[in-house]
N, C-alpha and C. Protein backbone atom coordinates (compact mmCIF):
# COMPACT_ATOMS: atom_id res chain seq x y z
N MET A 1 63.01 197.84 110.67
CA MET A 1 64.05 197.60 111.61
C MET A 1 64.89 198.89 111.71
N ASP A 2 65.25 199.30 112.85
CA ASP A 2 66.11 200.55 112.92
C ASP A 2 67.55 200.11 112.87
N MET A 3 68.36 201.14 112.80
CA MET A 3 69.91 200.99 112.56
C MET A 3 70.45 200.18 113.70
N THR A 4 70.10 200.33 114.84
CA THR A 4 70.80 199.67 115.99
C THR A 4 70.51 198.16 115.91
N MET A 5 69.38 197.74 115.58
CA MET A 5 69.06 196.28 115.35
C MET A 5 69.85 195.78 114.22
N SER A 6 70.10 196.51 113.12
CA SER A 6 70.78 196.11 111.95
C SER A 6 72.18 195.83 112.37
N ILE A 7 72.77 196.81 113.13
CA ILE A 7 74.03 196.66 113.60
C ILE A 7 74.34 195.55 114.56
N ALA A 8 73.38 195.24 115.45
CA ALA A 8 73.39 194.18 116.29
C ALA A 8 73.40 192.94 115.75
N SER A 9 72.47 192.79 114.76
CA SER A 9 72.34 191.50 114.01
C SER A 9 73.52 191.26 113.13
N LEU A 10 74.10 192.20 112.55
CA LEU A 10 75.39 192.08 111.85
C LEU A 10 76.52 191.50 112.67
N GLY A 11 76.63 192.18 113.86
CA GLY A 11 77.62 191.71 114.73
C GLY A 11 77.52 190.38 115.15
N MET A 12 76.22 189.97 115.47
CA MET A 12 76.10 188.51 115.88
C MET A 12 76.27 187.60 114.79
N ALA A 13 76.02 187.95 113.56
CA ALA A 13 76.17 187.09 112.40
C ALA A 13 77.78 186.97 112.15
N MET A 14 78.36 188.11 112.25
CA MET A 14 79.94 188.08 112.07
C MET A 14 80.56 187.25 113.20
N SER A 15 80.11 187.30 114.37
CA SER A 15 80.63 186.55 115.55
C SER A 15 80.49 185.18 115.18
N ALA A 16 79.13 184.73 114.86
CA ALA A 16 78.94 183.33 114.49
C ALA A 16 79.74 182.80 113.38
N SER A 17 80.03 183.59 112.45
CA SER A 17 80.85 183.31 111.22
C SER A 17 82.27 183.03 111.72
N GLN A 18 82.72 184.00 112.60
CA GLN A 18 84.15 183.82 113.06
C GLN A 18 84.28 182.51 113.90
N PHE A 19 83.35 182.22 114.67
CA PHE A 19 83.31 181.00 115.44
C PHE A 19 83.44 179.86 114.63
N MET A 20 82.62 179.67 113.58
CA MET A 20 82.69 178.61 112.62
C MET A 20 83.94 178.40 111.91
N LEU A 21 84.46 179.65 111.50
CA LEU A 21 85.69 179.69 110.80
C LEU A 21 86.85 179.14 111.80
N ASP A 22 86.86 179.62 112.90
CA ASP A 22 87.90 179.13 113.93
C ASP A 22 87.71 177.54 114.20
N ALA A 23 86.54 177.03 114.41
CA ALA A 23 86.26 175.66 114.51
C ALA A 23 86.81 174.88 113.26
N ASN A 24 86.50 175.34 112.14
CA ASN A 24 86.85 174.65 110.87
C ASN A 24 88.45 174.59 110.85
N PHE A 25 89.12 175.58 111.16
CA PHE A 25 90.58 175.71 111.16
C PHE A 25 91.07 174.72 112.26
N ALA A 26 90.55 174.64 113.33
CA ALA A 26 91.00 173.74 114.31
C ALA A 26 90.72 172.28 113.88
N LEU A 27 89.67 171.93 113.35
CA LEU A 27 89.37 170.49 112.85
C LEU A 27 90.31 170.15 111.76
N MET A 28 90.57 171.11 110.78
CA MET A 28 91.48 170.79 109.82
C MET A 28 92.90 170.62 110.37
N GLY A 29 93.24 171.36 111.32
CA GLY A 29 94.61 171.10 111.99
C GLY A 29 94.71 169.88 112.45
N LYS A 30 93.67 169.22 113.20
CA LYS A 30 93.64 167.88 113.78
C LYS A 30 93.68 166.95 112.66
N THR A 31 93.02 167.20 111.50
CA THR A 31 92.99 166.19 110.44
C THR A 31 94.37 166.10 109.82
N LEU A 32 95.06 167.23 109.72
CA LEU A 32 96.39 167.33 109.07
C LEU A 32 97.39 166.53 110.07
N ASP A 33 97.17 166.65 111.35
CA ASP A 33 98.06 165.89 112.27
C ASP A 33 97.90 164.47 112.11
N MET A 34 96.65 164.13 112.12
CA MET A 34 96.32 162.62 111.99
C MET A 34 96.95 162.04 110.70
N ALA A 35 96.80 162.82 109.57
CA ALA A 35 97.30 162.35 108.26
C ALA A 35 98.97 162.21 108.40
N GLN A 36 99.59 163.18 109.12
CA GLN A 36 100.92 163.19 109.26
C GLN A 36 101.37 161.89 110.08
N MET A 37 100.62 161.62 111.14
CA MET A 37 100.86 160.45 112.04
C MET A 37 100.68 159.25 111.29
N GLN A 38 99.76 159.15 110.48
CA GLN A 38 99.46 157.84 109.62
C GLN A 38 100.62 157.73 108.63
N GLY A 39 101.05 158.78 108.04
CA GLY A 39 102.10 158.79 107.01
C GLY A 39 103.36 158.43 107.73
N GLU A 40 103.56 158.83 108.87
CA GLU A 40 104.82 158.32 109.54
C GLU A 40 104.77 156.95 109.93
N ALA A 41 103.66 156.37 110.33
CA ALA A 41 103.42 155.01 110.74
C ALA A 41 103.71 154.11 109.37
N LEU A 42 103.03 154.61 108.33
CA LEU A 42 103.30 153.86 107.03
C LEU A 42 104.68 153.81 106.56
N GLN A 43 105.37 154.96 106.72
CA GLN A 43 106.79 154.89 106.30
C GLN A 43 107.58 154.07 107.38
N GLY A 44 107.20 154.06 108.58
CA GLY A 44 107.97 153.01 109.46
C GLY A 44 107.70 151.61 109.17
N MET A 45 106.31 151.21 108.74
CA MET A 45 106.10 149.86 108.24
C MET A 45 106.93 149.49 107.05
N MET A 46 107.10 150.39 106.10
CA MET A 46 107.77 150.09 104.92
C MET A 46 109.27 149.99 105.23
N ASP A 47 109.83 150.80 106.21
CA ASP A 47 111.26 150.71 106.51
C ASP A 47 111.42 149.28 107.18
N MET A 48 110.48 148.84 107.94
CA MET A 48 110.65 147.64 108.73
C MET A 48 110.39 146.28 107.82
N ALA A 49 109.79 146.64 106.55
CA ALA A 49 109.58 145.39 105.69
C ALA A 49 110.88 144.83 105.18
N VAL A 50 110.86 143.53 104.98
CA VAL A 50 112.15 142.84 104.54
C VAL A 50 112.31 143.21 103.10
N PRO A 51 113.52 143.74 102.89
CA PRO A 51 113.82 144.26 101.48
C PRO A 51 113.90 143.08 100.44
N SER A 52 113.38 143.17 99.46
CA SER A 52 113.39 142.11 98.45
C SER A 52 114.41 142.47 97.21
N PHE A 53 115.26 141.62 96.89
CA PHE A 53 116.23 141.85 95.83
C PHE A 53 115.75 141.40 94.58
N HIS A 54 114.52 140.86 94.44
CA HIS A 54 113.86 140.49 93.22
C HIS A 54 113.42 141.82 92.44
N VAL A 55 113.58 141.78 91.16
CA VAL A 55 113.24 142.83 90.34
C VAL A 55 111.88 142.43 89.65
N LEU A 56 110.85 143.26 89.74
CA LEU A 56 109.69 143.00 89.09
C LEU A 56 109.75 143.20 87.61
N ASP A 57 109.51 142.32 86.85
CA ASP A 57 109.63 142.49 85.37
C ASP A 57 108.17 142.98 84.85
N VAL A 58 108.10 144.18 84.53
CA VAL A 58 106.84 144.78 84.02
C VAL A 58 106.48 144.41 82.70
N TYR A 59 107.51 143.93 81.92
CA TYR A 59 107.32 143.63 80.53
C TYR A 59 106.97 142.27 80.35
N ALA A 60 107.00 141.35 81.34
CA ALA A 60 106.81 139.90 81.12
C ALA A 60 105.36 139.64 80.97
């Protein structure tokens, strides 16, 4: 294999690697957005729950 083919294949491999890296970052960003939305929904449900003035006795 000559030098031109080596450089071309390296360039293609680096391009594919960069594409996969970009795709993974985008997917991770969407995952974090979803986790944040679920956390906010859970917090809202906890805030809407009826407060209980009973104390749980963990030693009983």
